[in-house]
Protein backbone atom coordinates (compact mmCIF):
# COMPACT_ATOMS: atom_id res chain seq x y z
CA MET A 1 -25.23 7.19 11.50
CA ALA A 2 -24.66 5.24 8.29
CA PHE A 3 -21.69 3.40 6.79
CA ILE A 4 -21.24 3.44 2.99
CA TYR A 5 -18.70 1.45 0.96
CA ASP A 6 -18.14 2.70 -2.56
CA LEU A 7 -15.73 0.03 -3.80
CA PRO A 8 -14.77 -3.51 -2.74
CA VAL A 9 -11.40 -3.71 -1.02
CA ILE A 10 -9.91 -6.44 1.14
CA GLY A 11 -10.40 -5.57 4.81
CA LEU A 12 -13.25 -3.05 4.54
CA ASP A 13 -15.49 -5.12 6.79
CA GLY A 14 -13.17 -4.44 9.71
CA ALA A 15 -14.03 -0.75 9.33
CA ASP A 16 -17.68 -1.44 10.07
CA VAL A 17 -19.48 -1.05 13.35
CA GLU A 18 -18.70 -4.01 15.62
CA ARG A 19 -16.87 -1.74 18.05
CA GLU A 20 -19.24 1.17 17.69
CA VAL A 21 -22.67 -0.25 18.45
CA HIS A 22 -22.11 0.07 22.19
CA LEU A 23 -21.98 3.86 21.83
CA PRO A 24 -25.15 5.96 22.30
CA CYS A 25 -26.08 6.08 18.63
CA ILE A 26 -27.99 4.09 16.05
CA ILE A 27 -25.88 2.55 13.30
CA SER A 28 -27.13 1.71 9.81
CA SER A 29 -25.43 0.02 6.87
CA VAL A 30 -26.03 1.25 3.33
CA PHE A 31 -25.95 -1.65 0.90
CA ALA A 32 -24.58 -1.17 -2.63
CA GLY A 33 -22.76 2.08 -1.91
CA TYR A 34 -24.17 5.38 -3.16
CA GLN A 35 -26.68 3.47 -5.27
CA GLY A 36 -28.20 2.12 -2.08
CA LEU A 37 -28.31 5.63 -0.67
CA VAL A 38 -30.23 6.82 -3.74
CA ASP A 39 -32.57 3.82 -3.92
CA GLY A 40 -33.28 3.74 -0.18
CA GLY A 41 -35.76 1.20 1.15
CA ASP A 42 -34.21 -2.11 2.10
CA HIS A 43 -30.78 -0.87 1.01
CA ILE A 44 -30.45 1.05 4.29
CA ARG A 45 -30.69 -1.35 7.24
CA PRO A 46 -29.99 -1.07 10.95
CA ALA A 47 -26.76 -2.74 12.07
CA THR A 48 -26.48 -4.68 15.31
CA TRP A 49 -23.67 -6.31 17.24
CA GLU A 50 -24.77 -9.70 15.88
CA SER A 51 -25.09 -8.55 12.26
CA VAL A 52 -21.46 -7.46 12.09
CA SER A 53 -19.98 -10.33 14.08
CA MET A 54 -17.44 -12.58 12.31
CA MET A 55 -16.80 -9.99 9.58
CA LEU A 56 -13.16 -9.19 10.26
CA GLN A 57 -11.80 -12.17 8.34
CA LEU A 58 -13.99 -11.61 5.27
CA GLY A 59 -12.61 -10.03 2.11
CA GLY A 60 -14.35 -7.43 -0.03
CA THR A 61 -17.40 -5.86 1.60
CA VAL A 62 -20.35 -7.74 3.05
CA ILE A 63 -22.74 -4.83 2.56
CA GLY A 64 -21.79 -4.55 -1.08
CA SER A 65 -20.59 -1.75 -3.30
CA ALA A 66 -21.58 -0.35 -6.69
CA ARG A 67 -20.68 2.34 -9.19
CA CYS A 68 -23.46 4.93 -9.09
CA GLN A 69 -24.11 7.36 -11.91
CA ASP A 70 -27.30 8.60 -10.22
CA PHE A 71 -25.36 10.13 -7.34
CA ARG A 72 -23.41 12.26 -9.82
CA THR A 73 -26.63 14.16 -10.61
CA LYS A 74 -28.41 16.59 -8.32
CA GLU A 75 -31.62 14.61 -8.79
CA GLY A 76 -29.91 11.50 -7.46
CA ARG A 77 -28.42 13.35 -4.50
CA THR A 78 -31.86 14.80 -3.74
CA LYS A 79 -33.28 11.27 -3.54
CA ALA A 80 -30.42 10.26 -1.24
CA ALA A 81 -31.10 13.25 1.01
CA LEU A 82 -34.79 12.36 1.18
CA ASN A 83 -34.00 8.81 2.26
CA LEU A 84 -31.63 10.00 4.98
CA VAL A 85 -34.05 12.61 6.33
CA LYS A 86 -36.90 10.10 6.54
CA LEU A 87 -34.64 7.76 8.53
CA GLY A 88 -33.26 10.53 10.73
CA ILE A 89 -29.66 9.93 9.61
CA THR A 90 -27.41 13.01 9.79
CA ASN A 91 -23.99 11.36 10.00
CA LEU A 92 -22.28 9.52 7.15
CA CYS A 93 -19.08 7.48 7.19
CA VAL A 94 -17.93 6.85 3.61
CA VAL A 95 -15.24 4.30 2.76
CA GLY A 96 -13.84 4.70 -0.75
CA GLY A 97 -11.29 6.42 -2.95
CA ASP A 98 -10.71 10.12 -3.56
CA GLY A 99 -13.58 10.30 -6.05
CA SER A 100 -16.06 8.76 -3.61
CA LEU A 101 -14.90 11.03 -0.80
CA THR A 102 -15.11 14.10 -3.03
CA GLY A 103 -18.70 13.13 -3.84
CA ALA A 104 -19.47 12.83 -0.14
CA ASN A 105 -18.08 16.30 0.52
CA GLN A 106 -20.15 17.75 -2.33
CA PHE A 107 -23.23 16.06 -0.85
CA ARG A 108 -22.48 17.70 2.49
CA THR A 109 -21.84 21.11 0.93
CA GLU A 110 -25.20 21.24 -0.86
CA TRP A 111 -27.14 19.52 1.93
CA ARG A 112 -29.11 22.62 3.00
CA ASP A 113 -30.09 23.38 -0.60
CA LEU A 114 -31.28 19.81 -1.08
CA LEU A 115 -33.43 20.04 2.04
CA ALA A 116 -34.88 23.34 0.87
CA ASP A 117 -35.82 21.74 -2.47
CA LEU A 118 -37.45 18.83 -0.66
CA VAL A 119 -39.49 21.16 1.57
CA LYS A 120 -40.54 23.20 -1.46
CA ALA A 121 -41.62 20.02 -3.25
CA GLY A 122 -43.64 18.95 -0.20
CA LYS A 123 -41.66 15.74 0.28
CA ILE A 124 -40.51 16.64 3.81
CA THR A 125 -41.85 19.04 6.41
CA SER A 126 -40.08 22.09 7.80
CA ALA A 127 -39.75 20.25 11.11
CA GLU A 128 -37.99 17.33 9.42
CA ALA A 129 -35.67 19.73 7.65
CA LYS A 130 -34.86 21.45 10.95
CA ASN A 131 -34.10 18.14 12.68
CA SER A 132 -31.72 17.20 9.85
CA ALA A 133 -30.29 20.68 9.31
CA HIS A 134 -26.66 19.56 9.16
CA LEU A 135 -24.91 16.53 7.65
CA ASN A 136 -21.61 15.33 9.15
CA ILE A 137 -19.17 13.47 6.90
CA VAL A 138 -16.15 11.35 7.83
CA GLY A 139 -14.19 9.42 5.22
CA MET A 140 -11.92 6.40 5.34
CA VAL A 141 -9.79 5.44 2.37
CA GLY A 142 -10.26 1.96 0.96
CA SER A 143 -7.83 1.38 -1.91
CA ILE A 144 -5.35 -1.39 -2.67
CA ASP A 145 -3.21 1.14 -4.59
CA ASN A 146 -2.36 3.24 -1.50
CA ASP A 147 -2.94 6.22 -3.77
CA PHE A 148 -4.43 8.71 -1.29
CA CYS A 149 -2.13 11.43 0.05
CA GLY A 150 -2.31 12.11 3.76
CA THR A 151 -2.25 8.53 5.03
CA ASP A 152 0.69 6.15 5.39
CA MET A 153 -1.47 3.20 4.36
CA THR A 154 -4.95 2.77 2.94
CA ILE A 155 -7.25 -0.09 3.88
CA GLY A 156 -6.61 -3.08 1.61
CA THR A 157 -3.07 -2.27 0.49
CA ASP A 158 -1.29 -4.66 2.83
CA SER A 159 -3.56 -7.56 1.87
CA ALA A 160 -2.95 -6.89 -1.82
CA LEU A 161 0.79 -6.92 -1.18
CA HIS A 162 0.43 -10.32 0.50
CA ARG A 163 -1.24 -11.69 -2.66
CA ILE A 164 1.43 -10.22 -4.91
CA ILE A 165 4.38 -11.48 -2.86
CA GLU A 166 2.88 -14.97 -2.64
CA ILE A 167 2.71 -15.07 -6.44
CA VAL A 168 6.20 -13.60 -6.85
CA ASP A 169 7.62 -16.24 -4.51
CA ALA A 170 5.87 -18.99 -6.48
CA ILE A 171 7.11 -17.61 -9.79
CA THR A 172 10.66 -17.25 -8.48
CA THR A 173 11.04 -21.00 -7.99
CA THR A 174 10.21 -21.82 -11.61
CA ALA A 175 12.23 -18.86 -12.89
CA GLN A 176 15.33 -20.11 -11.09
CA SER A 177 14.82 -23.64 -12.33
CA HIS A 178 14.58 -22.62 -15.98
CA GLN A 179 16.80 -19.50 -15.90
CA ARG A 180 13.94 -17.30 -17.01
CA THR A 181 13.10 -13.63 -16.92
CA PHE A 182 9.65 -12.92 -15.49
CA ILE A 183 7.76 -9.69 -16.03
CA LEU A 184 4.86 -9.08 -13.64
CA GLU A 185 2.18 -6.43 -14.01
CA VAL A 186 0.57 -5.26 -10.78
CA MET A 187 -2.26 -2.79 -10.24
CA GLY A 188 -1.55 0.90 -10.01
CA ARG A 189 -2.97 2.92 -12.87
CA HIS A 190 -1.99 6.26 -11.32
CA CYS A 191 0.09 5.17 -8.34
CA GLY A 192 3.15 2.92 -8.33
CA TYR A 193 3.11 1.99 -4.63
CA LEU A 194 2.30 -1.69 -5.15
CA ALA A 195 4.92 -2.06 -7.88
CA LEU A 196 7.59 -0.19 -5.91
CA VAL A 197 7.12 -2.03 -2.62
CA THR A 198 6.88 -5.38 -4.44
CA ALA A 199 10.17 -4.66 -6.19
CA LEU A 200 11.75 -3.72 -2.87
CA ALA A 201 10.39 -6.83 -1.15
CA CYS A 202 11.48 -9.32 -3.80
CA GLY A 203 14.72 -7.66 -4.92
CA ALA A 204 13.49 -7.09 -8.46
CA ASP A 205 16.01 -6.11 -11.11
CA TRP A 206 13.85 -3.30 -12.50
CA VAL A 207 10.57 -1.56 -11.69
CA PHE A 208 8.38 0.71 -13.80
CA ILE A 209 6.13 3.16 -11.92
CA PRO A 210 4.06 6.08 -13.27
CA GLU A 211 5.52 8.62 -10.80
CA MET A 212 9.05 8.19 -12.16
CA PRO A 213 9.27 7.05 -15.78
CA PRO A 214 12.66 5.65 -16.85
CA GLU A 215 15.26 7.90 -18.43
CA GLU A 216 15.76 8.10 -22.18
CA ASN A 217 17.35 4.96 -23.68
CA TRP A 218 15.96 2.92 -20.81
CA GLU A 219 15.90 -0.10 -23.09
CA GLU A 220 19.70 -0.19 -23.20
CA HIS A 221 20.02 0.39 -19.47
CA LEU A 222 17.55 -2.40 -18.70
CA CYS A 223 19.30 -4.92 -20.96
CA ARG A 224 22.69 -4.02 -19.51
CA ARG A 225 21.46 -4.50 -15.95
CA LEU A 226 19.88 -7.88 -16.73
CA THR A 227 23.08 -9.01 -18.43
CA GLU A 228 25.17 -7.91 -15.46
CA GLN A 229 22.91 -9.83 -13.09
CA ARG A 230 23.30 -12.99 -15.13
CA GLY A 231 27.04 -12.38 -15.23
CA ARG A 232 27.13 -12.40 -11.43
CA GLY A 233 25.59 -15.85 -11.38
CA SER A 234 21.90 -15.00 -11.05
CA ARG A 235 19.63 -17.63 -12.59
CA LEU A 236 16.60 -15.37 -12.92
CA ASN A 237 15.48 -11.82 -13.51
CA ILE A 238 12.35 -10.21 -12.10
CA ILE A 239 10.84 -7.05 -13.60
CA ILE A 240 7.82 -5.36 -11.99
CA VAL A 241 5.54 -3.17 -14.13
CA ALA A 242 2.82 -0.95 -12.67
CA GLU A 243 -0.42 -0.94 -14.63
CA GLY A 244 0.00 2.76 -15.41
CA ALA A 245 3.72 2.70 -16.27
CA MET A 246 4.78 5.07 -19.04
CA ASP A 247 7.89 6.60 -20.56
CA ARG A 248 9.00 10.25 -20.38
CA HIS A 249 6.76 11.12 -23.31
CA GLY A 250 3.61 9.63 -21.78
CA LYS A 251 3.66 6.50 -23.93
CA PRO A 252 2.52 3.39 -22.02
CA ILE A 253 5.09 0.73 -21.14
CA THR A 254 3.53 -2.73 -21.18
CA CYS A 255 4.66 -6.16 -20.10
CA GLU A 256 4.50 -7.38 -23.69
CA GLN A 257 6.70 -4.52 -24.85
CA VAL A 258 9.33 -5.33 -22.23
CA LYS A 259 9.10 -9.03 -23.04
CA GLN A 260 9.75 -8.43 -26.74
CA LEU A 261 12.72 -6.23 -25.89
CA VAL A 262 14.37 -8.76 -23.57
CA SER A 263 13.64 -11.75 -25.80
CA LYS A 264 14.89 -10.19 -29.04
CA LYS A 265 17.86 -8.23 -27.74
CA LEU A 266 19.18 -10.66 -25.08
CA GLY A 267 17.69 -13.96 -26.15
CA PHE A 268 16.49 -14.68 -22.59
CA ASP A 269 13.60 -17.06 -22.03
CA THR A 270 10.99 -14.50 -20.94
CA ARG A 271 7.48 -14.87 -19.51
CA THR A 272 4.81 -12.35 -18.51
CA THR A 273 2.21 -12.55 -15.76
CA ILE A 274 -0.63 -10.06 -15.28
CA LEU A 275 -2.03 -10.48 -11.78
CA GLY A 276 -5.26 -8.54 -12.30
CA HIS A 277 -8.08 -8.85 -9.78
CA VAL A 278 -6.36 -11.62 -7.85
CA GLN A 279 -4.83 -8.72 -5.93
CA ARG A 280 -8.26 -7.62 -4.67
CA GLY A 281 -9.42 -11.01 -3.48
CA GLY A 282 -8.93 -13.25 -0.49
CA THR A 283 -9.04 -12.64 3.23
CA PRO A 284 -7.56 -9.48 4.76
CA SER A 285 -4.15 -9.57 6.39
CA ALA A 286 -3.75 -9.12 10.14
CA PHE A 287 -2.50 -5.58 9.55
CA ASP A 288 -5.57 -4.65 7.49
CA ARG A 289 -7.94 -6.13 10.07
CA ILE A 290 -6.37 -4.07 12.83
CA LEU A 291 -6.02 -0.93 10.68
CA ALA A 292 -9.65 -1.03 9.55
CA SER A 293 -10.89 -1.66 13.09
CA ARG A 294 -8.92 1.26 14.50
CA MET A 295 -10.06 3.56 11.72
CA GLY A 296 -13.69 2.51 12.20
CA VAL A 297 -13.51 3.46 15.87
CA GLU A 298 -11.89 6.82 15.12
CA ALA A 299 -14.45 7.58 12.39
CA VAL A 300 -17.42 7.12 14.71
CA MET A 301 -15.77 9.16 17.45
CA ALA A 302 -15.14 11.93 14.92
CA LEU A 303 -18.82 11.95 13.92
CA LEU A 304 -20.01 12.04 17.52
CA GLU A 305 -17.68 14.95 18.31
CA ALA A 306 -18.52 16.91 15.15
CA THR A 307 -20.33 20.25 15.19
CA PRO A 308 -22.00 22.14 12.32
CA GLU A 309 -18.74 24.09 11.93
CA THR A 310 -16.57 20.98 11.74
CA PRO A 311 -15.24 20.44 8.18
CA ALA A 312 -15.45 17.01 6.57
CA CYS A 313 -12.46 14.95 7.63
CA VAL A 314 -10.75 11.75 6.59
CA VAL A 315 -9.35 9.23 9.07
CA SER A 316 -5.74 8.54 8.17
CA LEU A 317 -2.77 6.59 9.48
CA SER A 318 0.22 8.70 10.49
CA GLY A 319 3.10 7.27 12.49
CA ASN A 320 0.94 4.26 13.43
CA MET A 321 -1.67 6.61 14.88
CA ALA A 322 -5.22 7.10 13.60
CA VAL A 323 -5.57 10.83 12.92
CA ARG A 324 -8.20 13.14 11.44
CA LEU A 325 -7.21 15.34 8.51
CA PRO A 326 -9.21 17.83 6.41
CA LEU A 327 -10.77 15.74 3.66
CA MET A 328 -10.54 18.15 0.75
CA GLU A 329 -6.96 19.18 1.52
CA CYS A 330 -5.89 15.54 1.18
CA VAL A 331 -7.97 15.13 -1.98
CA GLN A 332 -6.31 18.20 -3.48
CA VAL A 333 -2.79 16.91 -2.78
CA THR A 334 -3.76 13.59 -4.36
CA LYS A 335 -4.90 15.46 -7.48
CA ASP A 336 -1.68 17.50 -7.42
CA VAL A 337 0.30 14.27 -7.89
CA THR A 338 -1.58 13.50 -11.09
CA THR A 339 -1.05 17.06 -12.29
CA ALA A 340 2.68 16.89 -11.56
CA MET A 341 3.02 13.65 -13.54
CA ALA A 342 1.07 15.11 -16.47
CA GLU A 343 3.40 18.13 -16.49
CA GLY A 344 6.52 15.98 -16.36
CA LYS A 345 7.45 17.09 -12.81
CA PHE A 346 8.34 13.58 -11.69
CA ASP A 347 10.56 14.49 -8.73
CA GLU A 348 7.73 16.62 -7.40
CA ALA A 349 5.27 13.75 -7.89
CA ILE A 350 7.49 11.46 -5.80
CA LYS A 351 7.66 14.05 -3.00
CA LEU A 352 3.92 14.66 -3.05
CA ARG A 353 3.32 10.95 -2.52
CA GLY A 354 4.84 11.40 0.93
CA LYS A 355 8.06 10.71 2.78
CA SER A 356 7.42 6.97 3.03
CA PHE A 357 6.99 6.62 -0.74
CA GLU A 358 10.08 8.76 -1.37
CA ASN A 359 12.17 6.69 1.07
CA ASN A 360 11.01 3.45 -0.56
CA TRP A 361 12.00 4.78 -3.98
CA ASN A 362 15.43 5.91 -2.81
CA THR A 363 16.04 2.63 -0.98
CA TYR A 364 15.12 0.57 -4.01
CA ARG A 365 17.43 2.56 -6.26
CA MET A 366 20.33 2.04 -3.85
CA LEU A 367 19.82 -1.68 -3.34
CA ALA A 368 18.84 -2.78 -6.84
CA HIS A 369 22.07 -2.04 -8.68
CA VAL A 370 25.70 -1.85 -7.60
CA HIS A 371 27.51 1.48 -7.98
CA LEU A 372 30.97 0.86 -6.55
CA PRO A 373 32.68 3.95 -5.12
CA GLU A 374 35.93 5.13 -6.64
CA THR A 375 37.76 4.88 -3.31
CA LYS A 376 37.33 2.38 -0.52
CA SER A 377 37.30 3.16 3.18
CA ASN A 378 39.43 1.45 5.80
CA ILE A 379 36.36 0.42 7.79
CA ASN A 380 35.46 -3.24 8.32
CA ILE A 381 31.86 -4.03 9.31
CA ALA A 382 30.90 -7.48 10.59
CA LEU A 383 27.31 -8.69 10.59
CA LEU A 384 25.95 -11.49 12.79
CA ASN A 385 22.57 -12.79 13.86
CA VAL A 386 21.88 -13.53 17.54
CA GLY A 387 18.93 -15.19 19.25
CA ALA A 388 16.03 -17.13 17.77
CA PRO A 389 15.64 -16.80 13.98
CA CYS A 390 12.72 -14.80 12.63
CA ALA A 391 11.38 -13.78 9.24
CA GLY A 392 13.21 -10.75 7.86
CA MET A 393 16.70 -11.45 9.22
CA ASN A 394 18.10 -12.21 5.78
CA ALA A 395 16.58 -9.06 4.30
CA VAL A 396 18.31 -6.97 6.98
CA VAL A 397 21.67 -8.56 6.21
CA ARG A 398 21.19 -8.04 2.46
CA SER A 399 20.42 -4.36 2.89
CA ALA A 400 23.26 -3.78 5.34
CA VAL A 401 25.80 -5.55 3.13
CA ARG A 402 24.84 -3.64 0.00
CA ILE A 403 24.67 -0.26 1.70
CA GLY A 404 28.07 -0.91 3.26
CA ILE A 405 29.56 -1.82 -0.12
CA LEU A 406 28.10 1.32 -1.68
CA GLN A 407 29.88 3.31 1.04
CA GLY A 408 33.17 1.61 0.24
CA HIS A 409 33.41 -0.48 3.42
CA GLN A 410 34.66 -4.06 3.76
CA MET A 411 31.66 -6.20 4.74
CA LEU A 412 32.16 -9.38 6.77
CA ALA A 413 29.71 -12.18 7.55
CA VAL A 414 29.89 -13.90 10.94
CA HIS A 415 28.28 -17.34 11.09
CA ASP A 416 26.53 -18.80 14.17
CA GLY A 417 26.32 -15.63 16.21
CA PHE A 418 28.78 -14.85 19.01
CA ASP A 419 29.97 -18.48 19.05
CA GLY A 420 31.01 -18.11 15.43
CA LEU A 421 32.68 -14.78 16.20
CA ALA A 422 34.69 -16.46 18.98
CA GLN A 423 35.68 -19.35 16.70
CA GLY A 424 36.71 -17.10 13.82
CA MET A 425 33.84 -18.10 11.51
CA ILE A 426 34.20 -14.83 9.63
CA GLU A 427 34.39 -14.32 5.88
CA PRO A 428 34.03 -11.43 3.43
CA ILE A 429 30.61 -11.11 1.82
CA GLY A 430 29.95 -9.26 -1.42
CA TRP A 431 27.08 -7.81 -3.42
CA SER A 432 26.17 -11.07 -5.14
CA GLY A 433 26.59 -13.03 -1.92
CA VAL A 434 23.29 -11.69 -0.62
CA ALA A 435 21.35 -11.86 -3.90
CA GLY A 436 17.92 -13.41 -3.43
CA TRP A 437 18.02 -13.15 0.37
CA THR A 438 15.09 -10.75 0.77
CA GLY A 439 12.30 -13.30 0.59
CA LYS A 440 14.03 -16.14 2.42
CA GLY A 441 13.11 -17.19 5.96
CA GLY A 442 15.38 -18.19 8.81
CA SER A 443 18.97 -16.98 9.00
CA PHE A 444 21.47 -17.78 6.26
CA LEU A 445 24.29 -16.64 8.54
CA GLY A 446 23.13 -18.97 11.27
CA THR A 447 22.24 -17.84 14.77
CA LYS A 448 22.59 -19.01 18.35
CA ARG A 449 21.32 -17.79 21.71
CA SER A 450 24.81 -17.51 23.25
CA LEU A 451 25.58 -14.25 25.02
CA PRO A 452 28.83 -12.36 24.31
CA GLN A 453 30.06 -12.44 27.91
CA GLU A 454 30.29 -16.24 27.70
CA VAL A 455 32.97 -16.05 25.00
CA MET A 456 34.29 -12.52 25.43
CA GLU A 457 37.95 -13.52 25.78
CA GLU A 458 37.92 -15.61 22.61
CA ILE A 459 36.10 -12.81 20.76
CA SER A 460 38.75 -10.30 21.82
CA LEU A 461 41.56 -12.50 20.51
CA LYS A 462 39.84 -13.13 17.18
CA HIS A 463 38.88 -9.48 16.85
CA CYS A 464 42.51 -8.41 17.13
CA LYS A 465 43.49 -10.83 14.37
CA VAL A 466 40.75 -9.58 12.06
């Protein structure tokens, strides 16, 4: 059984074999991806418990990765097959993107023909070919773009988001100080997941993603929104641009283009930041370490349970469960997204990305810009925090307040938990009142550990007045 990495992504090392070497199988690591498979020799080495210890916290991939043109040719795949047969390896776990996994499936499909050619050329015996008659393939997706359909999250995405948010938070402080507009380009040539989730997490004023280009005259809409934000007292504007952002006609939208627009039309002090490969570096997040470890376990179990009739599968995350899905079906859906975008079917592209992506897009659109209803309801909704403070409380309040306002409800903020409710520490809170809350820690409303039964009578009296 051999592990291959075809591109460096934060957290891949957790997908290796530390938890698998106790199983009744021999594990090997292929260094330098498919190139190592073609070159053979010292590039394919046995893995032991000790050799993979202390790898979880390491970024990139310890066993290396490389682009391999040789594997694209039948001659190169024949060399790879020869190396595997000589080592008695008939199970491959490939970690990479859709292109790498497609190559693995092609390798598996033509495996018998490759062995026949090797026997005919006298490079292996008929007995060796019989012992290696079938090749099992299991894939895991390593991609910071989260661009593979069929999985809720790919290995490396969460760590990349950590890098991006750290930088956004750092930029926000200087933007507020100088009343600047910052435009950030994040990776995502064909998938806008990083840009979309970053915009949602930092409360960005605008986001450009390839799956949903802006409407015609987006320049006017963007300038109007930025002006409205400044009019509400905001001291900064944040715009997120995916690397592959484009308009409805397929023309690229760049950070520099947006900067020139904002600077010339609005006169705002505007800066651009292109994050680049910083997003790929650093140590993996806790989520990626756990995700990669779980997927590594499931991948080996899938290989051990495979039969000659078992199709190549990919280990995916669905509902926080590691599941096995048909590899080529997922690859095809991923290609369908690109086709939909090329044909201008942007709503379809959003849906093909999956329910999670679609929900994130809809949530961002609701929370980013106020659309006051024509009529207001007679419902009052009070929000309070109770118990020990934790990260994310302010983001919850922001979302709840803005959704309530969009529904026409009167939103009220209660300070200091149930004690504040008993003392009448209640005030209306509006759309701008929660601006910038998403990335802030603690509890802006204040919180206490008091239980409601301790002040129930006072709460009842104040509630009647409200």
